[in-house]
């Protein structure tokens, strides 16, 4: 089962430079590499540890660069919440209730990693793994094999991930494309857990406005599992049909909500974030049915300093999808290829 490199978007960066170096030691003692892609004055950084986006550096208007991704500078500090920062989530992002699902009448018991449920794939999750990486002309390709039965999931899963940096005047696109194939029927749900702050490290989220094209959301209980079918976002504290100040969204603490996107499966703009302070704007493109909006009240300590603030915009399927619906959308069978794609476009 050999997956080709995902097809690239048209390159608009004629002079991209890609370099690699040792980044440091992971919490498990492995040696992580850091890949740097530079084009048009923009720099992106990726690591083979967790299939991770480490940084995206945008001009600050004064001759310098700000990293708009919140990630520790040393991989050994990728623990706690930081363990997922910028990483690819899989085999199954979000929660699977009770740590099990049924395929073709057979029950599969999974690793239960959070309060009796399976979170982000359980043991051996993508963000804990070393990926096989190689440099491309304008990005990085990473591959991962998840063995049959890993964390209880059926089928050997072959995954190929491509990151690409595309730059043109005043705009930078960070493109992430993942493809996966399996040897046995299984469930997959992918996303990237990047933590964004358009103003860079040390800045709060005041002056930032957010809009998401989602008129419905998935109500969940304290365990993060769906309570019922979709409900309208209208009248909720996270009605994002129009731009809303991020500070208002977290006035009573953090926010973690699964939104049902209005798109119909085509790659399209689904979320917009803007900052009055820096003038930067971000647009997220996706074809996924849902988006997990996660805004912690405050990020944990990072690099021995105050962790600051950031938010996650995670296109994906809905929590516990494998246990809902006659033919869950996360089901993947042999001979099929699951494609996940997100584009993060920045204007500055």
C-alpha atoms as a PDB file:
ATOM      1  CA  UNK A   1       0.000   0.000   0.000  1.00  0.00           C
ATOM      2  CA  UNK A   2       1.945   2.989  -1.290  1.00  0.00           C
ATOM      3  CA  UNK A   3       0.443   6.450  -1.106  1.00  0.00           C
ATOM      4  CA  UNK A   4       1.806   9.135  -3.451  1.00  0.00           C
ATOM      5  CA  UNK A   5       2.794  12.567  -2.205  1.00  0.00           C
ATOM      6  CA  UNK A   6      -0.410  14.678  -2.089  1.00  0.00           C
ATOM      7  CA  UNK A   7      -0.726  16.940  -5.111  1.00  0.00           C
ATOM      8  CA  UNK A   8       0.675  20.403  -4.459  1.00  0.00           C
ATOM      9  CA  UNK A   9      -0.985  23.747  -5.001  1.00  0.00           C
ATOM     10  CA  UNK A  10       0.418  26.018  -7.681  1.00  0.00           C
ATOM     11  CA  UNK A  11       3.702  27.390  -6.419  1.00  0.00           C
ATOM     12  CA  UNK A  12       3.743  31.159  -6.138  1.00  0.00           C
ATOM     13  CA  UNK A  13       7.084  31.241  -4.320  1.00  0.00           C
ATOM     14  CA  UNK A  14       9.790  31.062  -6.993  1.00  0.00           C
ATOM     15  CA  UNK A  15      12.750  31.126  -4.602  1.00  0.00           C
ATOM     16  CA  UNK A  16      11.804  28.936  -1.652  1.00  0.00           C
ATOM     17  CA  UNK A  17      14.717  27.653   0.439  1.00  0.00           C
ATOM     18  CA  UNK A  18      14.345  24.539   2.605  1.00  0.00           C
ATOM     19  CA  UNK A  19      16.841  23.627   5.328  1.00  0.00           C
ATOM     20  CA  UNK A  20      16.906  21.052   8.108  1.00  0.00           C
ATOM     21  CA  UNK A  21      18.748  20.722  11.414  1.00  0.00           C
ATOM     22  CA  UNK A  22      18.501  18.890  14.706  1.00  0.00           C
ATOM     23  CA  UNK A  23      15.845  20.542  16.855  1.00  0.00           C
ATOM     24  CA  UNK A  24      16.404  18.673  20.118  1.00  0.00           C
ATOM     25  CA  UNK A  25      15.268  15.798  22.282  1.00  0.00           C
ATOM     26  CA  UNK A  26      11.598  14.886  22.638  1.00  0.00           C
ATOM     27  CA  UNK A  27      10.006  13.995  25.997  1.00  0.00           C
ATOM     28  CA  UNK A  28      10.525  10.322  25.032  1.00  0.00           C
ATOM     29  CA  UNK A  29      14.227  10.834  24.335  1.00  0.00           C
ATOM     30  CA  UNK A  30      14.068  10.713  20.530  1.00  0.00           C
ATOM     31  CA  UNK A  31      15.963  13.213  18.394  1.00  0.00           C
ATOM     32  CA  UNK A  32      13.617  15.606  16.593  1.00  0.00           C
ATOM     33  CA  UNK A  33      14.498  17.441  13.400  1.00  0.00           C
ATOM     34  CA  UNK A  34      13.395  20.948  12.434  1.00  0.00           C
ATOM     35  CA  UNK A  35      12.688  21.838   8.797  1.00  0.00           C
ATOM     36  CA  UNK A  36      12.726  25.525   7.858  1.00  0.00           C
ATOM     37  CA  UNK A  37      11.079  26.821   4.679  1.00  0.00           C
ATOM     38  CA  UNK A  38      11.771  30.440   3.666  1.00  0.00           C
ATOM     39  CA  UNK A  39      10.083  32.277   0.827  1.00  0.00           C
ATOM     40  CA  UNK A  40       9.313  35.929   0.141  1.00  0.00           C
ATOM     41  CA  UNK A  41      10.530  37.052   3.559  1.00  0.00           C
ATOM     42  CA  UNK A  42       8.284  34.533   5.379  1.00  0.00           C
ATOM     43  CA  UNK A  43       9.595  31.600   7.404  1.00  0.00           C
ATOM     44  CA  UNK A  44       7.755  28.411   8.335  1.00  0.00           C
ATOM     45  CA  UNK A  45       9.091  25.650  10.589  1.00  0.00           C
ATOM     46  CA  UNK A  46       8.033  22.016  10.823  1.00  0.00           C
ATOM     47  CA  UNK A  47       9.168  18.985  12.812  1.00  0.00           C
ATOM     48  CA  UNK A  48       9.091  15.247  12.251  1.00  0.00           C
ATOM     49  CA  UNK A  49       8.033  14.891  15.885  1.00  0.00           C
ATOM     50  CA  UNK A  50       4.240  14.760  15.749  1.00  0.00           C
ATOM     51  CA  UNK A  51       4.049  15.850  12.092  1.00  0.00           C
ATOM     52  CA  UNK A  52       4.140  19.287  13.604  1.00  0.00           C
ATOM     53  CA  UNK A  53       3.966  22.926  12.487  1.00  0.00           C
ATOM     54  CA  UNK A  54       6.389  24.666  14.829  1.00  0.00           C
ATOM     55  CA  UNK A  55       6.343  28.243  13.616  1.00  0.00           C
ATOM     56  CA  UNK A  56       5.167  30.752  11.056  1.00  0.00           C
ATOM     57  CA  UNK A  57       7.045  34.055  11.099  1.00  0.00           C
ATOM     58  CA  UNK A  58       5.342  37.097   9.560  1.00  0.00           C
ATOM     59  CA  UNK A  59       6.700  40.661   9.119  1.00  0.00           C
ATOM     60  CA  UNK A  60       6.030  42.980  12.047  1.00  0.00           C
ATOM     61  CA  UNK A  61       6.229  46.183   9.991  1.00  0.00           C
ATOM     62  CA  UNK A  62       9.482  47.244  11.690  1.00  0.00           C
ATOM     63  CA  UNK A  63      11.936  44.994   9.904  1.00  0.00           C
ATOM     64  CA  UNK A  64      11.450  42.024  12.220  1.00  0.00           C
ATOM     65  CA  UNK A  65       9.302  38.891  12.301  1.00  0.00           C
ATOM     66  CA  UNK A  66       6.672  37.612  14.749  1.00  0.00           C
ATOM     67  CA  UNK A  67       5.878  33.941  15.217  1.00  0.00           C
ATOM     68  CA  UNK A  68       2.083  33.662  15.079  1.00  0.00           C
ATOM     69  CA  UNK A  69       2.138  30.033  16.276  1.00  0.00           C
ATOM     70  CA  UNK A  70       2.465  29.331  19.984  1.00  0.00           C
ATOM     71  CA  UNK A  71       4.909  26.424  20.513  1.00  0.00           C
ATOM     72  CA  UNK A  72       7.749  25.822  22.990  1.00  0.00           C
ATOM     73  CA  UNK A  73      11.215  26.446  21.543  1.00  0.00           C
ATOM     74  CA  UNK A  74      12.556  23.111  22.826  1.00  0.00           C
ATOM     75  CA  UNK A  75      10.791  19.830  21.937  1.00  0.00           C
ATOM     76  CA  UNK A  76      11.500  18.362  25.373  1.00  0.00           C
ATOM     77  CA  UNK A  77       8.915  20.852  26.696  1.00  0.00           C
ATOM     78  CA  UNK A  78       6.132  19.446  24.499  1.00  0.00           C
ATOM     79  CA  UNK A  79       4.159  18.065  27.430  1.00  0.00           C
ATOM     80  CA  UNK A  80       0.694  18.724  28.840  1.00  0.00           C
ATOM     81  CA  UNK A  81      -1.298  20.974  26.507  1.00  0.00           C
ATOM     82  CA  UNK A  82       1.900  21.782  24.612  1.00  0.00           C
ATOM     83  CA  UNK A  83       2.166  18.104  23.564  1.00  0.00           C
ATOM     84  CA  UNK A  84      -0.423  18.742  20.840  1.00  0.00           C
ATOM     85  CA  UNK A  85       0.687  22.249  19.812  1.00  0.00           C
ATOM     86  CA  UNK A  86       0.947  22.388  16.021  1.00  0.00           C
ATOM     87  CA  UNK A  87       0.741  18.601  15.731  1.00  0.00           C
ATOM     88  CA  UNK A  88      -1.386  16.378  13.510  1.00  0.00           C
ATOM     89  CA  UNK A  89      -4.113  14.603  15.445  1.00  0.00           C
ATOM     90  CA  UNK A  90      -4.886  10.956  14.662  1.00  0.00           C
ATOM     91  CA  UNK A  91      -5.781   8.249  14.272  1.00  0.00           C
ATOM     92  CA  UNK A  92      -8.938   9.885  15.494  1.00  0.00           C
ATOM     93  CA  UNK A  93      -8.981  13.513  16.607  1.00  0.00           C
ATOM     94  CA  UNK A  94     -11.373  14.490  19.386  1.00  0.00           C
ATOM     95  CA  UNK A  95     -13.255  11.936  21.491  1.00  0.00           C
ATOM     96  CA  UNK A  96     -14.666   8.456  20.910  1.00  0.00           C
ATOM     97  CA  UNK A  97     -17.213   7.676  23.607  1.00  0.00           C
ATOM     98  CA  UNK A  98     -16.570   4.689  25.832  1.00  0.00           C
ATOM     99  CA  UNK A  99     -13.371   3.940  23.943  1.00  0.00           C
ATOM    100  CA  UNK A 100     -15.020   1.623  21.435  1.00  0.00           C
ATOM    101  CA  UNK A 101     -16.874   1.440  18.126  1.00  0.00           C
ATOM    102  CA  UNK A 102     -18.511  -1.212  15.960  1.00  0.00           C
ATOM    103  CA  UNK A 103     -17.650  -1.993  12.329  1.00  0.00           C
ATOM    104  CA  UNK A 104     -19.533  -4.695  10.386  1.00  0.00           C
ATOM    105  CA  UNK A 105     -20.860  -6.142  13.630  1.00  0.00           C
ATOM    106  CA  UNK A 106     -17.484  -6.411  15.366  1.00  0.00           C
ATOM    107  CA  UNK A 107     -16.742  -4.384  18.489  1.00  0.00           C
ATOM    108  CA  UNK A 108     -13.320  -2.777  18.722  1.00  0.00           C
ATOM    109  CA  UNK A 109     -12.075  -1.722  22.159  1.00  0.00           C
ATOM    110  CA  UNK A 110      -9.644   1.180  22.052  1.00  0.00           C
ATOM    111  CA  UNK A 111      -7.110   2.672  24.409  1.00  0.00           C
ATOM    112  CA  UNK A 112      -9.044   4.836  26.849  1.00  0.00           C
ATOM    113  CA  UNK A 113      -6.950   7.926  27.340  1.00  0.00           C
ATOM    114  CA  UNK A 114      -9.386  10.318  29.040  1.00  0.00           C
ATOM    115  CA  UNK A 115     -12.107   9.491  31.581  1.00  0.00           C
ATOM    116  CA  UNK A 116     -13.024   6.210  29.908  1.00  0.00           C
ATOM    117  CA  UNK A 117     -13.049   7.719  26.416  1.00  0.00           C
ATOM    118  CA  UNK A 118     -10.477   7.757  23.632  1.00  0.00           C
ATOM    119  CA  UNK A 119      -8.998  11.214  23.003  1.00  0.00           C
ATOM    120  CA  UNK A 120      -6.983  12.015  19.852  1.00  0.00           C
ATOM    121  CA  UNK A 121      -6.291   8.339  19.124  1.00  0.00           C
ATOM    122  CA  UNK A 122      -5.078   7.167  22.528  1.00  0.00           C
ATOM    123  CA  UNK A 123      -1.689   5.516  22.965  1.00  0.00           C
ATOM    124  CA  UNK A 124       0.535   5.902  19.915  1.00  0.00           C
ATOM    125  CA  UNK A 125      -1.390   8.962  18.749  1.00  0.00           C
ATOM    126  CA  UNK A 126       0.127  10.843  15.816  1.00  0.00           C
ATOM    127  CA  UNK A 127       1.350  13.750  17.936  1.00  0.00           C
ATOM    128  CA  UNK A 128       3.562  11.395  19.966  1.00  0.00           C
ATOM    129  CA  UNK A 129       5.191   9.704  16.983  1.00  0.00           C
ATOM    130  CA  UNK A 130       8.326  10.318  14.955  1.00  0.00           C
ATOM    131  CA  UNK A 131       7.387  10.726  11.286  1.00  0.00           C
ATOM    132  CA  UNK A 132       9.643   9.909   8.311  1.00  0.00           C
ATOM    133  CA  UNK A 133      10.348  13.310   6.764  1.00  0.00           C
ATOM    134  CA  UNK A 134      12.054  14.653   3.654  1.00  0.00           C
ATOM    135  CA  UNK A 135      12.434  18.132   2.231  1.00  0.00           C
ATOM    136  CA  UNK A 136      10.503  19.199  -0.876  1.00  0.00           C
ATOM    137  CA  UNK A 137      11.052  22.197  -3.132  1.00  0.00           C
ATOM    138  CA  UNK A 138       8.702  24.423  -1.104  1.00  0.00           C
ATOM    139  CA  UNK A 139       7.849  22.368   1.945  1.00  0.00           C
ATOM    140  CA  UNK A 140       8.133  19.024   3.696  1.00  0.00           C
ATOM    141  CA  UNK A 141       6.692  15.552   3.173  1.00  0.00           C
ATOM    142  CA  UNK A 142       6.154  13.297   6.198  1.00  0.00           C
ATOM    143  CA  UNK A 143       5.047   9.667   6.349  1.00  0.00           C
ATOM    144  CA  UNK A 144       3.782   7.510   9.176  1.00  0.00           C
ATOM    145  CA  UNK A 145       2.692   3.881   9.529  1.00  0.00           C
ATOM    146  CA  UNK A 146       0.225   3.016  12.284  1.00  0.00           C
ATOM    147  CA  UNK A 147       0.288  -0.781  12.777  1.00  0.00           C
ATOM    148  CA  UNK A 148      -2.826  -2.928  12.713  1.00  0.00           C
ATOM    149  CA  UNK A 149      -4.247  -2.946  16.237  1.00  0.00           C
ATOM    150  CA  UNK A 150      -2.384   0.100  17.498  1.00  0.00           C
ATOM    151  CA  UNK A 151      -4.399   1.530  20.415  1.00  0.00           C
ATOM    152  CA  UNK A 152      -7.083  -0.991  19.383  1.00  0.00           C
ATOM    153  CA  UNK A 153      -7.749   0.507  15.940  1.00  0.00           C
ATOM    154  CA  UNK A 154      -8.111  -2.092  13.158  1.00  0.00           C
ATOM    155  CA  UNK A 155      -6.025  -2.009   9.979  1.00  0.00           C
ATOM    156  CA  UNK A 156      -2.516  -0.914   9.155  1.00  0.00           C
ATOM    157  CA  UNK A 157      -2.845   2.768   8.346  1.00  0.00           C
ATOM    158  CA  UNK A 158      -0.416   4.395   5.923  1.00  0.00           C
ATOM    159  CA  UNK A 159      -0.356   8.173   6.148  1.00  0.00           C
ATOM    160  CA  UNK A 160       1.411  10.780   4.026  1.00  0.00           C
ATOM    161  CA  UNK A 161       1.390  14.458   5.004  1.00  0.00           C
ATOM    162  CA  UNK A 162       2.591  17.414   2.963  1.00  0.00           C
ATOM    163  CA  UNK A 163       3.219  20.926   4.235  1.00  0.00           C
ATOM    164  CA  UNK A 164       3.745  23.694   1.685  1.00  0.00           C
ATOM    165  CA  UNK A 165       4.523  27.402   2.057  1.00  0.00           C
ATOM    166  CA  UNK A 166       3.221  29.577  -0.769  1.00  0.00           C
ATOM    167  CA  UNK A 167       3.934  33.330  -0.708  1.00  0.00           C
ATOM    168  CA  UNK A 168       2.912  36.236  -2.888  1.00  0.00           C
ATOM    169  CA  UNK A 169       2.828  39.973  -2.249  1.00  0.00           C
ATOM    170  CA  UNK A 170       1.294  40.557   1.150  1.00  0.00           C
ATOM    171  CA  UNK A 171      -0.079  37.048   1.552  1.00  0.00           C
ATOM    172  CA  UNK A 172       1.295  33.730   2.789  1.00  0.00           C
ATOM    173  CA  UNK A 173      -0.438  30.373   2.558  1.00  0.00           C
ATOM    174  CA  UNK A 174       0.463  27.501   4.844  1.00  0.00           C
ATOM    175  CA  UNK A 175      -1.032  24.412   3.198  1.00  0.00           C
ATOM    176  CA  UNK A 176      -1.454  21.075   4.931  1.00  0.00           C
ATOM    177  CA  UNK A 177      -2.647  17.994   3.025  1.00  0.00           C
ATOM    178  CA  UNK A 178      -2.904  14.523   4.545  1.00  0.00           C
ATOM    179  CA  UNK A 179      -3.886  11.278   2.827  1.00  0.00           C
ATOM    180  CA  UNK A 180      -4.467   7.926   4.497  1.00  0.00           C
ATOM    181  CA  UNK A 181      -5.221   4.363   3.392  1.00  0.00           C
ATOM    182  CA  UNK A 182      -5.973   1.232   5.429  1.00  0.00           C
ATOM    183  CA  UNK A 183      -5.716  -2.557   5.112  1.00  0.00           C
ATOM    184  CA  UNK A 184      -8.916  -3.170   7.130  1.00  0.00           C
ATOM    185  CA  UNK A 185     -12.101  -1.153   7.754  1.00  0.00           C
ATOM    186  CA  UNK A 186     -11.354   1.459  10.414  1.00  0.00           C
ATOM    187  CA  UNK A 187     -12.262   4.947  11.580  1.00  0.00           C
ATOM    188  CA  UNK A 188     -10.095   8.036  11.042  1.00  0.00           C
ATOM    189  CA  UNK A 189     -10.505  11.687  11.926  1.00  0.00           C
ATOM    190  CA  UNK A 190      -7.681  14.152  11.339  1.00  0.00           C
ATOM    191  CA  UNK A 191      -6.928  17.750  12.250  1.00  0.00           C
ATOM    192  CA  UNK A 192      -4.050  20.022  13.161  1.00  0.00           C
ATOM    193  CA  UNK A 193      -3.857  21.438  16.687  1.00  0.00           C
ATOM    194  CA  UNK A 194      -1.991  24.668  15.876  1.00  0.00           C
ATOM    195  CA  UNK A 195      -2.356  27.411  18.479  1.00  0.00           C
ATOM    196  CA  UNK A 196      -2.534  30.844  16.823  1.00  0.00           C
ATOM    197  CA  UNK A 197      -1.961  34.368  18.072  1.00  0.00           C
ATOM    198  CA  UNK A 198      -1.859  36.899  15.239  1.00  0.00           C
ATOM    199  CA  UNK A 199       0.051  39.375  17.399  1.00  0.00           C
ATOM    200  CA  UNK A 200       2.764  36.937  18.462  1.00  0.00           C
ATOM    201  CA  UNK A 201       3.984  35.650  21.810  1.00  0.00           C
ATOM    202  CA  UNK A 202       3.298  37.700  24.904  1.00  0.00           C
ATOM    203  CA  UNK A 203       0.220  39.430  23.476  1.00  0.00           C
ATOM    204  CA  UNK A 204      -3.322  38.889  24.696  1.00  0.00           C
ATOM    205  CA  UNK A 205      -6.294  38.366  22.365  1.00  0.00           C
ATOM    206  CA  UNK A 206      -7.835  41.814  22.805  1.00  0.00           C
ATOM    207  CA  UNK A 207      -8.412  43.607  19.528  1.00  0.00           C
ATOM    208  CA  UNK A 208      -8.923  40.326  17.663  1.00  0.00           C
ATOM    209  CA  UNK A 209     -12.206  39.531  15.930  1.00  0.00           C
ATOM    210  CA  UNK A 210     -13.369  36.086  14.791  1.00  0.00           C
ATOM    211  CA  UNK A 211     -16.019  34.879  12.370  1.00  0.00           C
ATOM    212  CA  UNK A 212     -16.837  31.249  11.547  1.00  0.00           C
ATOM    213  CA  UNK A 213     -19.309  30.098   8.877  1.00  0.00           C
ATOM    214  CA  UNK A 214     -21.295  27.830  11.180  1.00  0.00           C
ATOM    215  CA  UNK A 215     -24.968  28.246  12.056  1.00  0.00           C
ATOM    216  CA  UNK A 216     -25.061  25.074  14.193  1.00  0.00           C
ATOM    217  CA  UNK A 217     -22.985  23.377  16.872  1.00  0.00           C
ATOM    218  CA  UNK A 218     -22.817  20.048  18.707  1.00  0.00           C
ATOM    219  CA  UNK A 219     -23.966  20.335  22.344  1.00  0.00           C
ATOM    220  CA  UNK A 220     -21.744  18.171  24.552  1.00  0.00           C
ATOM    221  CA  UNK A 221     -21.672  17.065  28.170  1.00  0.00           C
ATOM    222  CA  UNK A 222     -18.888  17.512  30.679  1.00  0.00           C
ATOM    223  CA  UNK A 223     -17.111  14.546  29.079  1.00  0.00           C
ATOM    224  CA  UNK A 224     -17.019  16.312  25.683  1.00  0.00           C
ATOM    225  CA  UNK A 225     -19.422  13.806  24.061  1.00  0.00           C
ATOM    226  CA  UNK A 226     -22.500  14.857  22.068  1.00  0.00           C
ATOM    227  CA  UNK A 227     -25.737  15.130  24.046  1.00  0.00           C
ATOM    228  CA  UNK A 228     -28.057  15.357  21.059  1.00  0.00           C
ATOM    229  CA  UNK A 229     -28.137  16.406  17.427  1.00  0.00           C
ATOM    230  CA  UNK A 230     -27.078  19.855  16.258  1.00  0.00           C
ATOM    231  CA  UNK A 231     -28.401  23.046  17.805  1.00  0.00           C
ATOM    232  CA  UNK A 232     -28.418  26.601  16.457  1.00  0.00           C
ATOM    233  CA  UNK A 233     -25.566  28.892  17.452  1.00  0.00           C
ATOM    234  CA  UNK A 234     -27.965  31.862  17.383  1.00  0.00           C
ATOM    235  CA  UNK A 235     -28.436  33.145  20.907  1.00  0.00           C
ATOM    236  CA  UNK A 236     -25.380  31.314  22.210  1.00  0.00           C
ATOM    237  CA  UNK A 237     -22.291  33.061  23.487  1.00  0.00           C
ATOM    238  CA  UNK A 238     -20.430  31.865  20.397  1.00  0.00           C
ATOM    239  CA  UNK A 239     -22.740  32.970  17.589  1.00  0.00           C
ATOM    240  CA  UNK A 240     -20.041  33.783  15.035  1.00  0.00           C
ATOM    241  CA  UNK A 241     -22.170  34.513  11.967  1.00  0.00           C
ATOM    242  CA  UNK A 242     -20.667  38.011  12.191  1.00  0.00           C
ATOM    243  CA  UNK A 243     -17.280  39.067  13.493  1.00  0.00           C
ATOM    244  CA  UNK A 244     -17.166  38.844  17.273  1.00  0.00           C
ATOM    245  CA  UNK A 245     -14.446  40.116  19.612  1.00  0.00           C
ATOM    246  CA  UNK A 246     -12.468  37.119  20.875  1.00  0.00           C
ATOM    247  CA  UNK A 247     -12.296  38.745  24.314  1.00  0.00           C
ATOM    248  CA  UNK A 248     -16.083  38.490  24.562  1.00  0.00           C
ATOM    249  CA  UNK A 249     -16.007  34.786  23.702  1.00  0.00           C
ATOM    250  CA  UNK A 250     -13.827  34.015  26.713  1.00  0.00           C
ATOM    251  CA  UNK A 251     -15.137  36.630  29.130  1.00  0.00           C
ATOM    252  CA  UNK A 252     -16.316  33.846  31.471  1.00  0.00           C
ATOM    253  CA  UNK A 253     -13.292  31.606  30.916  1.00  0.00           C
ATOM    254  CA  UNK A 254     -12.104  29.464  28.007  1.00  0.00           C
ATOM    255  CA  UNK A 255     -14.199  28.053  25.177  1.00  0.00           C
ATOM    256  CA  UNK A 256     -14.174  24.597  23.607  1.00  0.00           C
ATOM    257  CA  UNK A 257     -16.999  23.973  21.115  1.00  0.00           C
ATOM    258  CA  UNK A 258     -17.623  21.779  18.073  1.00  0.00           C
ATOM    259  CA  UNK A 259     -19.163  23.834  15.276  1.00  0.00           C
ATOM    260  CA  UNK A 260     -20.993  22.447  12.235  1.00  0.00           C
ATOM    261  CA  UNK A 261     -19.645  24.296   9.222  1.00  0.00           C
ATOM    262  CA  UNK A 262     -22.013  25.616   6.565  1.00  0.00           C
ATOM    263  CA  UNK A 263     -19.890  24.330   3.683  1.00  0.00           C
ATOM    264  CA  UNK A 264     -20.875  21.279   1.639  1.00  0.00           C
ATOM    265  CA  UNK A 265     -17.616  19.380   1.543  1.00  0.00           C
ATOM    266  CA  UNK A 266     -15.752  21.615  -0.898  1.00  0.00           C
ATOM    267  CA  UNK A 267     -12.529  23.363   0.058  1.00  0.00           C
ATOM    268  CA  UNK A 268     -13.708  26.874   0.927  1.00  0.00           C
ATOM    269  CA  UNK A 269     -13.137  29.701   3.444  1.00  0.00           C
ATOM    270  CA  UNK A 270     -14.728  28.733   6.763  1.00  0.00           C
ATOM    271  CA  UNK A 271     -13.108  30.947   9.430  1.00  0.00           C
ATOM    272  CA  UNK A 272     -11.690  34.467   9.577  1.00  0.00           C
ATOM    273  CA  UNK A 273      -9.534  36.018  12.297  1.00  0.00           C
ATOM    274  CA  UNK A 274      -8.264  39.602  12.281  1.00  0.00           C
ATOM    275  CA  UNK A 275      -6.189  41.762  14.608  1.00  0.00           C
ATOM    276  CA  UNK A 276      -6.534  45.513  14.959  1.00  0.00           C
ATOM    277  CA  UNK A 277      -3.202  45.670  16.808  1.00  0.00           C
ATOM    278  CA  UNK A 278      -0.970  44.101  14.128  1.00  0.00           C
ATOM    279  CA  UNK A 279      -3.241  44.488  11.099  1.00  0.00           C
ATOM    280  CA  UNK A 280      -2.799  40.800  10.292  1.00  0.00           C
ATOM    281  CA  UNK A 281      -5.685  38.731   8.968  1.00  0.00           C
ATOM    282  CA  UNK A 282      -6.066  34.974   8.786  1.00  0.00           C
ATOM    283  CA  UNK A 283      -8.460  32.867   6.706  1.00  0.00           C
ATOM    284  CA  UNK A 284      -8.915  29.123   7.182  1.00  0.00           C
ATOM    285  CA  UNK A 285      -9.997  27.018   4.189  1.00  0.00           C
ATOM    286  CA  UNK A 286     -11.429  23.530   4.685  1.00  0.00           C
ATOM    287  CA  UNK A 287     -13.811  20.941   3.290  1.00  0.00           C
ATOM    288  CA  UNK A 288     -14.402  19.209   6.634  1.00  0.00           C
ATOM    289  CA  UNK A 289     -17.918  19.146   8.121  1.00  0.00           C
ATOM    290  CA  UNK A 290     -16.925  20.554  11.492  1.00  0.00           C
ATOM    291  CA  UNK A 291     -14.482  22.834  13.260  1.00  0.00           C
ATOM    292  CA  UNK A 292     -13.391  22.590  16.876  1.00  0.00           C
ATOM    293  CA  UNK A 293     -12.929  26.076  18.303  1.00  0.00           C
ATOM    294  CA  UNK A 294     -10.664  25.908  21.347  1.00  0.00           C
ATOM    295  CA  UNK A 295      -9.683  29.042  23.245  1.00  0.00           C
ATOM    296  CA  UNK A 296      -8.066  28.287  26.612  1.00  0.00           C
ATOM    297  CA  UNK A 297      -8.488  30.956  29.259  1.00  0.00           C
ATOM    298  CA  UNK A 298      -4.705  31.062  29.509  1.00  0.00           C
ATOM    299  CA  UNK A 299      -1.936  28.939  28.035  1.00  0.00           C
ATOM    300  CA  UNK A 300       0.334  27.053  30.456  1.00  0.00           C
ATOM    301  CA  UNK A 301       3.885  28.163  31.120  1.00  0.00           C
ATOM    302  CA  UNK A 302       6.085  28.041  28.032  1.00  0.00           C
ATOM    303  CA  UNK A 303       9.898  28.142  27.922  1.00  0.00           C
ATOM    304  CA  UNK A 304       9.938  29.015  31.624  1.00  0.00           C
ATOM    305  CA  UNK A 305       7.782  32.087  31.063  1.00  0.00           C
ATOM    306  CA  UNK A 306       4.120  33.024  31.121  1.00  0.00           C
ATOM    307  CA  UNK A 307       2.355  30.963  28.439  1.00  0.00           C
ATOM    308  CA  UNK A 308       0.270  33.841  27.159  1.00  0.00           C
ATOM    309  CA  UNK A 309      -2.768  33.413  24.941  1.00  0.00           C
ATOM    310  CA  UNK A 310      -3.829  31.717  21.725  1.00  0.00           C
ATOM    311  CA  UNK A 311      -6.672  29.930  19.996  1.00  0.00           C
ATOM    312  CA  UNK A 312      -7.167  26.816  17.885  1.00  0.00           C
ATOM    313  CA  UNK A 313      -9.257  26.532  14.704  1.00  0.00           C
ATOM    314  CA  UNK A 314      -9.364  22.787  14.002  1.00  0.00           C
ATOM    315  CA  UNK A 315     -11.275  21.540  10.915  1.00  0.00           C
ATOM    316  CA  UNK A 316     -12.383  17.940  11.510  1.00  0.00           C
ATOM    317  CA  UNK A 317     -15.335  15.587  11.940  1.00  0.00           C
ATOM    318  CA  UNK A 318     -17.534  15.771  15.022  1.00  0.00           C
ATOM    319  CA  UNK A 319     -16.857  14.222  18.436  1.00  0.00           C
ATOM    320  CA  UNK A 320     -17.770  10.528  18.696  1.00  0.00           C
ATOM    321  CA  UNK A 321     -18.700  10.319  15.006  1.00  0.00           C
ATOM    322  CA  UNK A 322     -17.906   6.552  14.852  1.00  0.00           C
ATOM    323  CA  UNK A 323     -20.803   5.878  17.235  1.00  0.00           C
ATOM    324  CA  UNK A 324     -23.383   8.059  15.481  1.00  0.00           C
ATOM    325  CA  UNK A 325     -25.206   7.400  12.205  1.00  0.00           C
ATOM    326  CA  UNK A 326     -25.738   4.260  10.142  1.00  0.00           C
ATOM    327  CA  UNK A 327     -22.636   4.932   8.008  1.00  0.00           C
ATOM    328  CA  UNK A 328     -20.374   7.256   9.996  1.00  0.00           C
ATOM    329  CA  UNK A 329     -18.434   9.692   7.857  1.00  0.00           C
ATOM    330  CA  UNK A 330     -15.165   8.704   9.537  1.00  0.00           C
ATOM    331  CA  UNK A 331     -15.321   5.108   8.264  1.00  0.00           C
ATOM    332  CA  UNK A 332     -12.455   4.209   5.913  1.00  0.00           C
ATOM    333  CA  UNK A 333     -12.315   0.918   3.998  1.00  0.00           C
ATOM    334  CA  UNK A 334      -9.510  -0.784   2.062  1.00  0.00           C
ATOM    335  CA  UNK A 335      -9.163   0.647  -1.432  1.00  0.00           C
ATOM    336  CA  UNK A 336     -10.340   4.078  -0.300  1.00  0.00           C
ATOM    337  CA  UNK A 337      -8.149   7.105   0.414  1.00  0.00           C
ATOM    338  CA  UNK A 338      -9.115   9.654   3.038  1.00  0.00           C
ATOM    339  CA  UNK A 339      -7.898  13.189   2.265  1.00  0.00           C
ATOM    340  CA  UNK A 340      -7.777  15.996   4.819  1.00  0.00           C
ATOM    341  CA  UNK A 341      -6.734  19.466   3.684  1.00  0.00           C
ATOM    342  CA  UNK A 342      -6.504  22.810   5.415  1.00  0.00           C
ATOM    343  CA  UNK A 343      -5.143  26.103   4.132  1.00  0.00           C
ATOM    344  CA  UNK A 344      -4.180  28.868   6.537  1.00  0.00           C
ATOM    345  CA  UNK A 345      -3.885  32.133   4.602  1.00  0.00           C
ATOM    346  CA  UNK A 346      -2.344  35.208   6.216  1.00  0.00           C
ATOM    347  CA  UNK A 347      -2.461  38.811   5.056  1.00  0.00           C
ATOM    348  CA  UNK A 348      -0.010  41.224   6.681  1.00  0.00           C
END
